[in-house]
Amino acid sequence: MVFLGFGKYARTDKIYALEPIRGDERGGGRRTLVWVDGIVEPIVAARTERTILHEMGQDAAVGSRLLDDALAFAERIAEDAEKGRVDLGDLGRRARKLLEASAKPAEDEQLF
């Protein structure tokens, strides 16, 4: 079973297609259309296709969780800017968290 968000789950062996939602239809918990065998209409998932693929064990097809987080962050900035309510303190914290996640760990010094 893979979690699709908002209490929705699907069997991984029944998922046969993932389609990212683009444009004005995306947002507010709408990230991916999940096509499941036996269900006529796709399920609207609140998670990105990369996250769903990762949970399905398809790591080779997955880009990066960091990229997903960065895209979600950019989307939030765009939505908040359109509404005229940008919280710079919150955006700064989120940006710092993304930057810290992208930093490479310090390499161990070799003693010999």
PDB file of N, CA and C in Angstrom:
ATOM      1  N   MET A   1       0.849  -1.176   0.000  1.00  0.00           N
ATOM      2  CA  MET A   1       0.000   0.000   0.000  1.00  0.00           C
ATOM      3  C   MET A   1       0.897   1.242   0.000  1.00  0.00           C
ATOM      4  N   VAL A   2       0.441   2.237  -0.728  1.00  0.00           N
ATOM      5  CA  VAL A   2       1.154   3.503  -0.766  1.00  0.00           C
ATOM      6  C   VAL A   2       0.185   4.616  -0.362  1.00  0.00           C
ATOM      7  N   PHE A   3       0.668   5.511   0.490  1.00  0.00           N
ATOM      8  CA  PHE A   3      -0.138   6.624   0.974  1.00  0.00           C
ATOM      9  C   PHE A   3      -0.178   7.713  -0.091  1.00  0.00           C
ATOM     10  N   LEU A   4      -1.387   8.175  -0.435  1.00  0.00           N
ATOM     11  CA  LEU A   4      -1.565   9.199  -1.456  1.00  0.00           C
ATOM     12  C   LEU A   4      -1.902  10.564  -0.855  1.00  0.00           C
ATOM     13  N   GLY A   5      -2.122  10.601   0.449  1.00  0.00           N
ATOM     14  CA  GLY A   5      -2.456  11.842   1.130  1.00  0.00           C
ATOM     15  C   GLY A   5      -3.928  11.905   1.470  1.00  0.00           C
ATOM     16  N   PHE A   6      -4.242  12.643   2.520  1.00  0.00           N
ATOM     17  CA  PHE A   6      -5.630  12.855   2.967  1.00  0.00           C
ATOM     18  C   PHE A   6      -6.383  11.542   3.170  1.00  0.00           C
ATOM     19  N   GLY A   7      -5.718  10.541   3.746  1.00  0.00           N
ATOM     20  CA  GLY A   7      -6.370   9.281   4.066  1.00  0.00           C
ATOM     21  C   GLY A   7      -6.599   8.351   2.888  1.00  0.00           C
ATOM     22  N   LYS A   8      -5.993   8.654   1.743  1.00  0.00           N
ATOM     23  CA  LYS A   8      -6.163   7.814   0.553  1.00  0.00           C
ATOM     24  C   LYS A   8      -4.944   6.898   0.415  1.00  0.00           C
ATOM     25  N   TYR A   9      -5.211   5.635   0.099  1.00  0.00           N
ATOM     26  CA  TYR A   9      -4.163   4.640  -0.120  1.00  0.00           C
ATOM     27  C   TYR A   9      -4.492   3.850  -1.382  1.00  0.00           C
ATOM     28  N   ALA A  10      -3.464   3.301  -2.009  1.00  0.00           N
ATOM     29  CA  ALA A  10      -3.677   2.414  -3.155  1.00  0.00           C
ATOM     30  C   ALA A  10      -2.654   1.288  -3.084  1.00  0.00           C
ATOM     31  N   ARG A  11      -3.044   0.140  -3.580  1.00  0.00           N
ATOM     32  CA  ARG A  11      -2.109  -0.989  -3.653  1.00  0.00           C
ATOM     33  C   ARG A  11      -1.072  -0.690  -4.721  1.00  0.00           C
ATOM     34  N   THR A  12       0.185  -0.894  -4.384  1.00  0.00           N
ATOM     35  CA  THR A  12       1.254  -0.568  -5.327  1.00  0.00           C
ATOM     36  C   THR A  12       1.199  -1.429  -6.578  1.00  0.00           C
ATOM     37  N   ASP A  13       0.727  -2.668  -6.459  1.00  0.00           N
ATOM     38  CA  ASP A  13       0.675  -3.544  -7.633  1.00  0.00           C
ATOM     39  C   ASP A  13      -0.505  -3.208  -8.552  1.00  0.00           C
ATOM     40  N   LYS A  14      -1.380  -2.295  -8.128  1.00  0.00           N
ATOM     41  CA  LYS A  14      -2.533  -1.897  -8.946  1.00  0.00           C
ATOM     42  C   LYS A  14      -2.337  -0.544  -9.624  1.00  0.00           C
ATOM     43  N   ILE A  15      -1.321   0.223  -9.190  1.00  0.00           N
ATOM     44  CA  ILE A  15      -1.060   1.529  -9.796  1.00  0.00           C
ATOM     45  C   ILE A  15      -0.357   1.298 -11.127  1.00  0.00           C
ATOM     46  N   TYR A  16      -0.925   1.859 -12.202  1.00  0.00           N
ATOM     47  CA  TYR A  16      -0.291   1.662 -13.498  1.00  0.00           C
ATOM     48  C   TYR A  16       0.125   2.960 -14.169  1.00  0.00           C
ATOM     49  N   ALA A  17      -0.258   4.109 -13.617  1.00  0.00           N
ATOM     50  CA  ALA A  17       0.177   5.375 -14.211  1.00  0.00           C
ATOM     51  C   ALA A  17       0.085   6.490 -13.174  1.00  0.00           C
ATOM     52  N   LEU A  18       1.035   7.424 -13.274  1.00  0.00           N
ATOM     53  CA  LEU A  18       1.038   8.630 -12.454  1.00  0.00           C
ATOM     54  C   LEU A  18       1.142   9.818 -13.393  1.00  0.00           C
ATOM     55  N   GLU A  19       0.313  10.816 -13.166  1.00  0.00           N
ATOM     56  CA  GLU A  19       0.324  11.999 -14.021  1.00  0.00           C
ATOM     57  C   GLU A  19       0.374  13.246 -13.146  1.00  0.00           C
ATOM     58  N   PRO A  20       1.471  14.013 -13.226  1.00  0.00           N
ATOM     59  CA  PRO A  20       1.524  15.226 -12.419  1.00  0.00           C
ATOM     60  C   PRO A  20       0.463  16.222 -12.870  1.00  0.00           C
ATOM     61  N   ILE A  21      -0.170  16.873 -11.914  1.00  0.00           N
ATOM     62  CA  ILE A  21      -1.160  17.902 -12.221  1.00  0.00           C
ATOM     63  C   ILE A  21      -0.402  19.199 -12.437  1.00  0.00           C
ATOM     64  N   ARG A  22      -0.714  19.890 -13.516  1.00  0.00           N
ATOM     65  CA  ARG A  22      -0.004  21.122 -13.861  1.00  0.00           C
ATOM     66  C   ARG A  22      -0.978  22.294 -13.973  1.00  0.00           C
ATOM     67  N   GLY A  23      -0.420  23.471 -13.962  1.00  0.00           N
ATOM     68  CA  GLY A  23      -1.216  24.672 -14.194  1.00  0.00           C
ATOM     69  C   GLY A  23      -2.118  25.038 -13.039  1.00  0.00           C
ATOM     70  N   ASP A  24      -3.240  25.633 -13.377  1.00  0.00           N
ATOM     71  CA  ASP A  24      -4.176  26.147 -12.375  1.00  0.00           C
ATOM     72  C   ASP A  24      -4.862  25.051 -11.574  1.00  0.00           C
ATOM     73  N   GLU A  25      -4.890  23.832 -12.091  1.00  0.00           N
ATOM     74  CA  GLU A  25      -5.548  22.734 -11.383  1.00  0.00           C
ATOM     75  C   GLU A  25      -4.707  22.225 -10.212  1.00  0.00           C
ATOM     76  N   ARG A  26      -3.393  22.532 -10.220  1.00  0.00           N
ATOM     77  CA  ARG A  26      -2.499  22.072  -9.167  1.00  0.00           C
ATOM     78  C   ARG A  26      -2.600  22.992  -7.965  1.00  0.00           C
ATOM     79  N   GLY A  27      -2.440  22.423  -6.776  1.00  0.00           N
ATOM     80  CA  GLY A  27      -2.446  23.204  -5.548  1.00  0.00           C
ATOM     81  C   GLY A  27      -3.569  22.770  -4.634  1.00  0.00           C
ATOM     82  N   GLY A  28      -3.460  23.157  -3.391  1.00  0.00           N
ATOM     83  CA  GLY A  28      -4.508  22.812  -2.431  1.00  0.00           C
ATOM     84  C   GLY A  28      -4.691  21.326  -2.253  1.00  0.00           C
ATOM     85  N   GLY A  29      -3.580  20.584  -2.167  1.00  0.00           N
ATOM     86  CA  GLY A  29      -3.666  19.137  -1.993  1.00  0.00           C
ATOM     87  C   GLY A  29      -3.847  18.373  -3.288  1.00  0.00           C
ATOM     88  N   ARG A  30      -3.660  19.008  -4.415  1.00  0.00           N
ATOM     89  CA  ARG A  30      -3.793  18.362  -5.726  1.00  0.00           C
ATOM     90  C   ARG A  30      -2.426  18.369  -6.399  1.00  0.00           C
ATOM     91  N   ARG A  31      -1.736  17.236  -6.360  1.00  0.00           N
ATOM     92  CA  ARG A  31      -0.394  17.144  -6.930  1.00  0.00           C
ATOM     93  C   ARG A  31      -0.291  16.158  -8.091  1.00  0.00           C
ATOM     94  N   THR A  32      -0.949  15.013  -7.951  1.00  0.00           N
ATOM     95  CA  THR A  32      -0.766  13.931  -8.920  1.00  0.00           C
ATOM     96  C   THR A  32      -2.068  13.180  -9.155  1.00  0.00           C
ATOM     97  N   LEU A  33      -2.306  12.801 -10.411  1.00  0.00           N
ATOM     98  CA  LEU A  33      -3.404  11.884 -10.725  1.00  0.00           C
ATOM     99  C   LEU A  33      -2.822  10.475 -10.716  1.00  0.00           C
ATOM    100  N   VAL A  34      -3.451   9.590  -9.968  1.00  0.00           N
ATOM    101  CA  VAL A  34      -2.975   8.214  -9.831  1.00  0.00           C
ATOM    102  C   VAL A  34      -3.998   7.296 -10.484  1.00  0.00           C
ATOM    103  N   TRP A  35      -3.552   6.601 -11.510  1.00  0.00           N
ATOM    104  CA  TRP A  35      -4.424   5.674 -12.239  1.00  0.00           C
ATOM    105  C   TRP A  35      -4.262   4.292 -11.627  1.00  0.00           C
ATOM    106  N   VAL A  36      -5.388   3.751 -11.131  1.00  0.00           N
ATOM    107  CA  VAL A  36      -5.381   2.469 -10.429  1.00  0.00           C
ATOM    108  C   VAL A  36      -6.243   1.477 -11.191  1.00  0.00           C
ATOM    109  N   ASP A  37      -5.712   0.269 -11.380  1.00  0.00           N
ATOM    110  CA  ASP A  37      -6.439  -0.793 -12.069  1.00  0.00           C
ATOM    111  C   ASP A  37      -7.753  -1.077 -11.353  1.00  0.00           C
ATOM    112  N   GLY A  38      -8.848  -1.090 -12.103  1.00  0.00           N
ATOM    113  CA  GLY A  38     -10.159  -1.375 -11.548  1.00  0.00           C
ATOM    114  C   GLY A  38     -10.954  -0.141 -11.161  1.00  0.00           C
ATOM    115  N   ILE A  39     -10.328   1.036 -11.213  1.00  0.00           N
ATOM    116  CA  ILE A  39     -11.019   2.287 -10.910  1.00  0.00           C
ATOM    117  C   ILE A  39     -11.023   3.131 -12.179  1.00  0.00           C
ATOM    118  N   VAL A  40     -12.201   3.531 -12.626  1.00  0.00           N
ATOM    119  CA  VAL A  40     -12.350   4.231 -13.906  1.00  0.00           C
ATOM    120  C   VAL A  40     -11.648   5.595 -13.895  1.00  0.00           C
ATOM    121  N   GLU A  41     -11.935   6.408 -12.895  1.00  0.00           N
ATOM    122  CA  GLU A  41     -11.370   7.754 -12.806  1.00  0.00           C
ATOM    123  C   GLU A  41     -10.087   7.728 -11.975  1.00  0.00           C
ATOM    124  N   PRO A  42      -9.124   8.597 -12.291  1.00  0.00           N
ATOM    125  CA  PRO A  42      -7.902   8.631 -11.482  1.00  0.00           C
ATOM    126  C   PRO A  42      -8.171   9.192 -10.094  1.00  0.00           C
ATOM    127  N   ILE A  43      -7.359   8.785  -9.144  1.00  0.00           N
ATOM    128  CA  ILE A  43      -7.430   9.304  -7.780  1.00  0.00           C
ATOM    129  C   ILE A  43      -6.540  10.538  -7.721  1.00  0.00           C
ATOM    130  N   VAL A  44      -7.029  11.594  -7.119  1.00  0.00           N
ATOM    131  CA  VAL A  44      -6.239  12.818  -6.955  1.00  0.00           C
ATOM    132  C   VAL A  44      -5.414  12.659  -5.682  1.00  0.00           C
ATOM    133  N   ALA A  45      -4.110  12.668  -5.837  1.00  0.00           N
ATOM    134  CA  ALA A  45      -3.210  12.498  -4.704  1.00  0.00           C
ATOM    135  C   ALA A  45      -2.646  13.841  -4.264  1.00  0.00           C
ATOM    136  N   ALA A  46      -2.396  13.960  -2.978  1.00  0.00           N
ATOM    137  CA  ALA A  46      -1.820  15.173  -2.420  1.00  0.00           C
ATOM    138  C   ALA A  46      -0.293  15.095  -2.402  1.00  0.00           C
ATOM    139  N   ARG A  47       0.260  14.055  -2.983  1.00  0.00           N
ATOM    140  CA  ARG A  47       1.712  13.858  -2.986  1.00  0.00           C
ATOM    141  C   ARG A  47       2.225  13.882  -4.419  1.00  0.00           C
ATOM    142  N   THR A  48       3.498  14.220  -4.571  1.00  0.00           N
ATOM    143  CA  THR A  48       4.072  14.284  -5.911  1.00  0.00           C
ATOM    144  C   THR A  48       4.324  12.885  -6.452  1.00  0.00           C
ATOM    145  N   GLU A  49       4.467  12.807  -7.767  1.00  0.00           N
ATOM    146  CA  GLU A  49       4.714  11.509  -8.387  1.00  0.00           C
ATOM    147  C   GLU A  49       6.037  10.920  -7.921  1.00  0.00           C
ATOM    148  N   ARG A  50       7.051  11.759  -7.674  1.00  0.00           N
ATOM    149  CA  ARG A  50       8.346  11.251  -7.200  1.00  0.00           C
ATOM    150  C   ARG A  50       8.217  10.596  -5.832  1.00  0.00           C
ATOM    151  N   THR A  51       7.439  11.220  -4.946  1.00  0.00           N
ATOM    152  CA  THR A  51       7.248  10.663  -3.612  1.00  0.00           C
ATOM    153  C   THR A  51       6.507   9.335  -3.692  1.00  0.00           C
ATOM    154  N   ILE A  52       5.499   9.270  -4.531  1.00  0.00           N
ATOM    155  CA  ILE A  52       4.740   8.027  -4.691  1.00  0.00           C
ATOM    156  C   ILE A  52       5.640   6.940  -5.273  1.00  0.00           C
ATOM    157  N   LEU A  53       6.410   7.272  -6.300  1.00  0.00           N
ATOM    158  CA  LEU A  53       7.338   6.299  -6.890  1.00  0.00           C
ATOM    159  C   LEU A  53       8.347   5.803  -5.866  1.00  0.00           C
ATOM    160  N   HIS A  54       8.849   6.706  -5.042  1.00  0.00           N
ATOM    161  CA  HIS A  54       9.812   6.314  -4.009  1.00  0.00           C
ATOM    162  C   HIS A  54       9.189   5.287  -3.064  1.00  0.00           C
ATOM    163  N   GLU A  55       7.960   5.540  -2.625  1.00  0.00           N
ATOM    164  CA  GLU A  55       7.297   4.600  -1.722  1.00  0.00           C
ATOM    165  C   GLU A  55       6.978   3.281  -2.405  1.00  0.00           C
ATOM    166  N   MET A  56       6.870   3.306  -3.727  1.00  0.00           N
ATOM    167  CA  MET A  56       6.609   2.075  -4.467  1.00  0.00           C
ATOM    168  C   MET A  56       7.899   1.283  -4.699  1.00  0.00           C
ATOM    169  N   GLY A  57       9.040   1.847  -4.278  1.00  0.00           N
ATOM    170  CA  GLY A  57      10.311   1.151  -4.451  1.00  0.00           C
ATOM    171  C   GLY A  57      10.966   1.427  -5.785  1.00  0.00           C
ATOM    172  N   GLN A  58      10.526   2.446  -6.469  1.00  0.00           N
ATOM    173  CA  GLN A  58      11.066   2.785  -7.783  1.00  0.00           C
ATOM    174  C   GLN A  58      12.089   3.916  -7.654  1.00  0.00           C
ATOM    175  N   ASP A  59      13.102   3.707  -6.823  1.00  0.00           N
ATOM    176  CA  ASP A  59      14.089   4.749  -6.557  1.00  0.00           C
ATOM    177  C   ASP A  59      14.843   5.195  -7.798  1.00  0.00           C
ATOM    178  N   ALA A  60      15.016   4.327  -8.773  1.00  0.00           N
ATOM    179  CA  ALA A  60      15.719   4.717  -9.995  1.00  0.00           C
ATOM    180  C   ALA A  60      14.924   5.766 -10.769  1.00  0.00           C
ATOM    181  N   ALA A  61      13.611   5.757 -10.623  1.00  0.00           N
ATOM    182  CA  ALA A  61      12.760   6.707 -11.338  1.00  0.00           C
ATOM    183  C   ALA A  61      12.557   7.995 -10.555  1.00  0.00           C
ATOM    184  N   VAL A  62      13.035   8.004  -9.332  1.00  0.00           N
ATOM    185  CA  VAL A  62      12.818   9.145  -8.455  1.00  0.00           C
ATOM    186  C   VAL A  62      13.967  10.128  -8.593  1.00  0.00           C
ATOM    187  N   GLY A  63      13.635  11.407  -8.726  1.00  0.00           N
ATOM    188  CA  GLY A  63      14.663  12.441  -8.793  1.00  0.00           C
ATOM    189  C   GLY A  63      15.266  12.674  -7.425  1.00  0.00           C
ATOM    190  N   SER A  64      14.630  13.483  -6.632  1.00  0.00           N
ATOM    191  CA  SER A  64      15.162  13.825  -5.330  1.00  0.00           C
ATOM    192  C   SER A  64      14.070  14.398  -4.453  1.00  0.00           C
ATOM    193  N   ARG A  65      14.055  13.989  -3.221  1.00  0.00           N
ATOM    194  CA  ARG A  65      13.091  14.554  -2.264  1.00  0.00           C
ATOM    195  C   ARG A  65      13.385  16.040  -2.066  1.00  0.00           C
ATOM    196  N   LEU A  66      14.661  16.380  -2.107  1.00  0.00           N
ATOM    197  CA  LEU A  66      15.039  17.781  -1.966  1.00  0.00           C
ATOM    198  C   LEU A  66      14.426  18.616  -3.087  1.00  0.00           C
ATOM    199  N   LEU A  67      14.421  18.085  -4.297  1.00  0.00           N
ATOM    200  CA  LEU A  67      13.814  18.788  -5.418  1.00  0.00           C
ATOM    201  C   LEU A  67      12.313  18.955  -5.198  1.00  0.00           C
ATOM    202  N   ASP A  68      11.647  17.908  -4.721  1.00  0.00           N
ATOM    203  CA  ASP A  68      10.213  18.009  -4.416  1.00  0.00           C
ATOM    204  C   ASP A  68       9.950  19.101  -3.389  1.00  0.00           C
ATOM    205  N   ASP A  69      10.781  19.131  -2.338  1.00  0.00           N
ATOM    206  CA  ASP A  69      10.606  20.144  -1.296  1.00  0.00           C
ATOM    207  C   ASP A  69      10.831  21.543  -1.855  1.00  0.00           C
ATOM    208  N   ALA A  70      11.836  21.691  -2.709  1.00  0.00           N
ATOM    209  CA  ALA A  70      12.127  22.997  -3.300  1.00  0.00           C
ATOM    210  C   ALA A  70      10.986  23.463  -4.202  1.00  0.00           C
ATOM    211  N   LEU A  71      10.420  22.541  -4.974  1.00  0.00           N
ATOM    212  CA  LEU A  71       9.297  22.894  -5.839  1.00  0.00           C
ATOM    213  C   LEU A  71       8.055  23.267  -5.025  1.00  0.00           C
ATOM    214  N   ALA A  72       7.801  22.531  -3.961  1.00  0.00           N
ATOM    215  CA  ALA A  72       6.665  22.848  -3.094  1.00  0.00           C
ATOM    216  C   ALA A  72       6.867  24.212  -2.437  1.00  0.00           C
ATOM    217  N   PHE A  73       8.103  24.512  -2.055  1.00  0.00           N
ATOM    218  CA  PHE A  73       8.436  25.800  -1.457  1.00  0.00           C
ATOM    219  C   PHE A  73       8.198  26.933  -2.459  1.00  0.00           C
ATOM    220  N   ALA A  74       8.670  26.740  -3.686  1.00  0.00           N
ATOM    221  CA  ALA A  74       8.470  27.761  -4.727  1.00  0.00           C
ATOM    222  C   ALA A  74       6.986  27.963  -5.009  1.00  0.00           C
ATOM    223  N   GLU A  75       6.228  26.882  -5.029  1.00  0.00           N
ATOM    224  CA  GLU A  75       4.787  26.991  -5.266  1.00  0.00           C
ATOM    225  C   GLU A  75       4.108  27.773  -4.143  1.00  0.00           C
ATOM    226  N   ARG A  76       4.537  27.512  -2.916  1.00  0.00           N
ATOM    227  CA  ARG A  76       3.947  28.226  -1.780  1.00  0.00           C
ATOM    228  C   ARG A  76       4.266  29.723  -1.844  1.00  0.00           C
ATOM    229  N   ILE A  77       5.495  30.056  -2.217  1.00  0.00           N
ATOM    230  CA  ILE A  77       5.861  31.465  -2.348  1.00  0.00           C
ATOM    231  C   ILE A  77       4.987  32.138  -3.404  1.00  0.00           C
ATOM    232  N   ALA A  78       4.823  31.480  -4.544  1.00  0.00           N
ATOM    233  CA  ALA A  78       4.012  32.048  -5.625  1.00  0.00           C
ATOM    234  C   ALA A  78       2.562  32.247  -5.188  1.00  0.00           C
ATOM    235  N   GLU A  79       1.983  31.261  -4.526  1.00  0.00           N
ATOM    236  CA  GLU A  79       0.594  31.367  -4.078  1.00  0.00           C
ATOM    237  C   GLU A  79       0.432  32.480  -3.041  1.00  0.00           C
ATOM    238  N   ASP A  80       1.356  32.535  -2.073  1.00  0.00           N
ATOM    239  CA  ASP A  80       1.266  33.562  -1.037  1.00  0.00           C
ATOM    240  C   ASP A  80       1.471  34.955  -1.621  1.00  0.00           C
ATOM    241  N   ALA A  81       2.380  35.076  -2.586  1.00  0.00           N
ATOM    242  CA  ALA A  81       2.624  36.383  -3.213  1.00  0.00           C
ATOM    243  C   ALA A  81       1.377  36.857  -3.958  1.00  0.00           C
ATOM    244  N   GLU A  82       0.679  35.938  -4.631  1.00  0.00           N
ATOM    245  CA  GLU A  82      -0.548  36.307  -5.346  1.00  0.00           C
ATOM    246  C   GLU A  82      -1.626  36.796  -4.382  1.00  0.00           C
ATOM    247  N   LYS A  83      -1.650  36.216  -3.181  1.00  0.00           N
ATOM    248  CA  LYS A  83      -2.650  36.602  -2.185  1.00  0.00           C
ATOM    249  C   LYS A  83      -2.212  37.835  -1.397  1.00  0.00           C
ATOM    250  N   GLY A  84      -0.972  38.257  -1.593  1.00  0.00           N
ATOM    251  CA  GLY A  84      -0.464  39.433  -0.897  1.00  0.00           C
ATOM    252  C   GLY A  84      -0.154  39.202   0.561  1.00  0.00           C
ATOM    253  N   ARG A  85       0.130  37.978   0.928  1.00  0.00           N
ATOM    254  CA  ARG A  85       0.419  37.671   2.331  1.00  0.00           C
ATOM    255  C   ARG A  85       1.682  36.826   2.445  1.00  0.00           C
ATOM    256  N   VAL A  86       2.797  37.444   2.256  1.00  0.00           N
ATOM    257  CA  VAL A  86       4.080  36.750   2.324  1.00  0.00           C
ATOM    258  C   VAL A  86       4.660  36.928   3.719  1.00  0.00           C
ATOM    259  N   ASP A  87       4.918  35.829   4.401  1.00  0.00           N
ATOM    260  CA  ASP A  87       5.524  35.825   5.728  1.00  0.00           C
ATOM    261  C   ASP A  87       7.012  35.575   5.553  1.00  0.00           C
ATOM    262  N   LEU A  88       7.788  36.656   5.565  1.00  0.00           N
ATOM    263  CA  LEU A  88       9.221  36.529   5.296  1.00  0.00           C
ATOM    264  C   LEU A  88       9.943  35.680   6.342  1.00  0.00           C
ATOM    265  N   GLY A  89       9.513  35.757   7.583  1.00  0.00           N
ATOM    266  CA  GLY A  89      10.135  34.935   8.625  1.00  0.00           C
ATOM    267  C   GLY A  89       9.966  33.449   8.338  1.00  0.00           C
ATOM    268  N   ASP A  90       8.735  33.049   7.985  1.00  0.00           N
ATOM    269  CA  ASP A  90       8.452  31.649   7.664  1.00  0.00           C
ATOM    270  C   ASP A  90       9.208  31.214   6.409  1.00  0.00           C
ATOM    271  N   LEU A  91       9.201  32.066   5.387  1.00  0.00           N
ATOM    272  CA  LEU A  91       9.904  31.725   4.150  1.00  0.00           C
ATOM    273  C   LEU A  91      11.402  31.593   4.393  1.00  0.00           C
ATOM    274  N   GLY A  92      11.944  32.462   5.229  1.00  0.00           N
ATOM    275  CA  GLY A  92      13.366  32.379   5.555  1.00  0.00           C
ATOM    276  C   GLY A  92      13.719  31.077   6.251  1.00  0.00           C
ATOM    277  N   ARG A  93      12.892  30.657   7.208  1.00  0.00           N
ATOM    278  CA  ARG A  93      13.130  29.385   7.912  1.00  0.00           C
ATOM    279  C   ARG A  93      13.071  28.206   6.948  1.00  0.00           C
ATOM    280  N   ARG A  94      12.074  28.215   6.077  1.00  0.00           N
ATOM    281  CA  ARG A  94      11.937  27.115   5.119  1.00  0.00           C
ATOM    282  C   ARG A  94      13.102  27.086   4.132  1.00  0.00           C
ATOM    283  N   ALA A  95      13.514  28.257   3.671  1.00  0.00           N
ATOM    284  CA  ALA A  95      14.643  28.326   2.738  1.00  0.00           C
ATOM    285  C   ALA A  95      15.914  27.817   3.409  1.00  0.00           C
ATOM    286  N   ARG A  96      16.152  28.224   4.660  1.00  0.00           N
ATOM    287  CA  ARG A  96      17.341  27.764   5.375  1.00  0.00           C
ATOM    288  C   ARG A  96      17.326  26.245   5.545  1.00  0.00           C
ATOM    289  N   LYS A  97      16.149  25.691   5.848  1.00  0.00           N
ATOM    290  CA  LYS A  97      16.023  24.238   6.016  1.00  0.00           C
ATOM    291  C   LYS A  97      16.359  23.513   4.707  1.00  0.00           C
ATOM    292  N   LEU A  98      15.875  24.036   3.578  1.00  0.00           N
ATOM    293  CA  LEU A  98      16.198  23.440   2.279  1.00  0.00           C
ATOM    294  C   LEU A  98      17.690  23.539   1.983  1.00  0.00           C
ATOM    295  N   LEU A  99      18.262  24.686   2.269  1.00  0.00           N
ATOM    296  CA  LEU A  99      19.695  24.869   2.018  1.00  0.00           C
ATOM    297  C   LEU A  99      20.534  23.942   2.889  1.00  0.00           C
ATOM    298  N   GLU A 100      20.146  23.769   4.135  1.00  0.00           N
ATOM    299  CA  GLU A 100      20.872  22.862   5.016  1.00  0.00           C
ATOM    300  C   GLU A 100      20.767  21.426   4.531  1.00  0.00           C
ATOM    301  N   ALA A 101      19.608  21.053   4.016  1.00  0.00           N
ATOM    302  CA  ALA A 101      19.418  19.696   3.505  1.00  0.00           C
ATOM    303  C   ALA A 101      20.252  19.442   2.254  1.00  0.00           C
ATOM    304  N   SER A 102      20.554  20.521   1.525  1.00  0.00           N
ATOM    305  CA  SER A 102      21.313  20.347   0.290  1.00  0.00           C
ATOM    306  C   SER A 102      22.819  20.373   0.510  1.00  0.00           C
ATOM    307  N   ALA A 103      23.250  20.808   1.694  1.00  0.00           N
ATOM    308  CA  ALA A 103      24.683  20.896   1.976  1.00  0.00           C
ATOM    309  C   ALA A 103      25.273  19.501   2.128  1.00  0.00           C
ATOM    310  N   LYS A 104      26.448  19.349   1.573  1.00  0.00           N
ATOM    311  CA  LYS A 104      27.128  18.060   1.702  1.00  0.00           C
ATOM    312  C   LYS A 104      27.700  17.933   3.108  1.00  0.00           C
ATOM    313  N   PRO A 105      27.645  16.717   3.686  1.00  0.00           N
ATOM    314  CA  PRO A 105      28.251  16.542   4.998  1.00  0.00           C
ATOM    315  C   PRO A 105      29.766  16.697   4.904  1.00  0.00           C
ATOM    316  N   ALA A 106      30.342  17.190   5.970  1.00  0.00           N
ATOM    317  CA  ALA A 106      31.792  17.362   5.992  1.00  0.00           C
ATOM    318  C   ALA A 106      32.469  16.005   5.829  1.00  0.00           C
ATOM    319  N   GLU A 107      33.473  15.988   4.998  1.00  0.00           N
ATOM    320  CA  GLU A 107      34.189  14.726   4.776  1.00  0.00           C
ATOM    321  C   GLU A 107      35.075  14.443   5.989  1.00  0.00           C
ATOM    322  N   ASP A 108      35.145  13.173   6.345  1.00  0.00           N
ATOM    323  CA  ASP A 108      35.989  12.783   7.459  1.00  0.00           C
ATOM    324  C   ASP A 108      37.456  12.986   7.100  1.00  0.00           C
ATOM    325  N   GLU A 109      38.174  13.556   8.046  1.00  0.00           N
ATOM    326  CA  GLU A 109      39.599  13.737   7.811  1.00  0.00           C
ATOM    327  C   GLU A 109      40.294  12.398   7.997  1.00  0.00           C
ATOM    328  N   GLN A 110      41.212  12.112   7.113  1.00  0.00           N
ATOM    329  CA  GLN A 110      41.968  10.868   7.243  1.00  0.00           C
ATOM    330  C   GLN A 110      43.141  11.089   8.179  1.00  0.00           C
ATOM    331  N   LEU A 111      43.270  10.211   9.134  1.00  0.00           N
ATOM    332  CA  LEU A 111      44.369  10.325  10.076  1.00  0.00           C
ATOM    333  C   LEU A 111      45.681   9.784   9.512  1.00  0.00           C
ATOM    334  N   PHE A 112      45.601   8.819   8.636  1.00  0.00           N
ATOM    335  CA  PHE A 112      46.809   8.204   8.103  1.00  0.00           C
ATOM    336  C   PHE A 112      46.823   8.277   6.604  1.00  0.00           C
TER     337      PHE A 112
END
